[in-house]
């Protein structure tokens, strides 16, 4: 009896699709949660301040009443006058204490951003960049995935030539993704200018940093994916591009724009304009948006 073969497909292609769906789900939810949290926290802060103001009003009334009693007392009756003066002093101390609490509360309260909507909406635009940044902890990403996704069921529609992914989100909602399935003979190549860019970037950056630079410039792999450290490493290996190594003596032969400007004692803008006017030799990876100076002590950015 012939057994049914297991399905197989590229994992990175699927990972990127699930990641995109995850960011679309988390983005609006994160903004709504942030707005709700800020509103609730602001309400609690207002309630605390209102309670302190009521305490201050009561303390001031008590201090004023104690003063009137002390002022109306017969000075000849020293025992009564001393007791009323002590009560007045205690009331004044109470007023000072409540005023100090209000000052501490106001100092500890973070001013609310106005308007809140646009400022928090900007988080959605930065969420993808933060998620893809090399410095983002992978363990935190896994925790977010486990919190939001219950399971992912994969299947292949052979007739349509697509990979079918069914994402089961926590809470019972399902999302179906259909991805074109690559054939064994199908091969997409990375653009030559990106390869040239990597050849130049390895002079000053490791694979993690190179992946971040390529992603910030909205460059993608030959298969249309975002860049990761593993993909940059694979590209270097395939095209025999050496890996970045920092100088043993601490003196780097190549510097980016910012470091080169600091080394020469000029501003980055001045160095950029000088390079663009061809007063010094300069080059930068073709697909990148930032020009990269080159001299005896400077290199690509």
Foldseek 3Di string as FASTA:
>chain_A
DDDDDDDDADDVVVVQVVVVVLLVVVLVVVLVVVVVVVVVVVVVLVVVLVVLVVQLVVLVVQLVVLVVVLVPDDVVVVVVNVVSVVSNVVSVVSNVVSVVVNVVSVVPDDDDDPPSVVVSNVCSVCVVLQVQALPDDVVVVVVSCVQFWVDKDWDADVVVQWIWIWTQTPPGDIDIDTGHGDDPPDDFAFDPLLLVQLLFCQLPDFLSVSLSQCVVLVGAGRVRHRDHSVNSVVSCVVVVRDHRDADPVNQRQAAWLCVVCVVVVHHSVVVQVCCVVVVAPFQHRVSGDDTTGDDRRYGHD
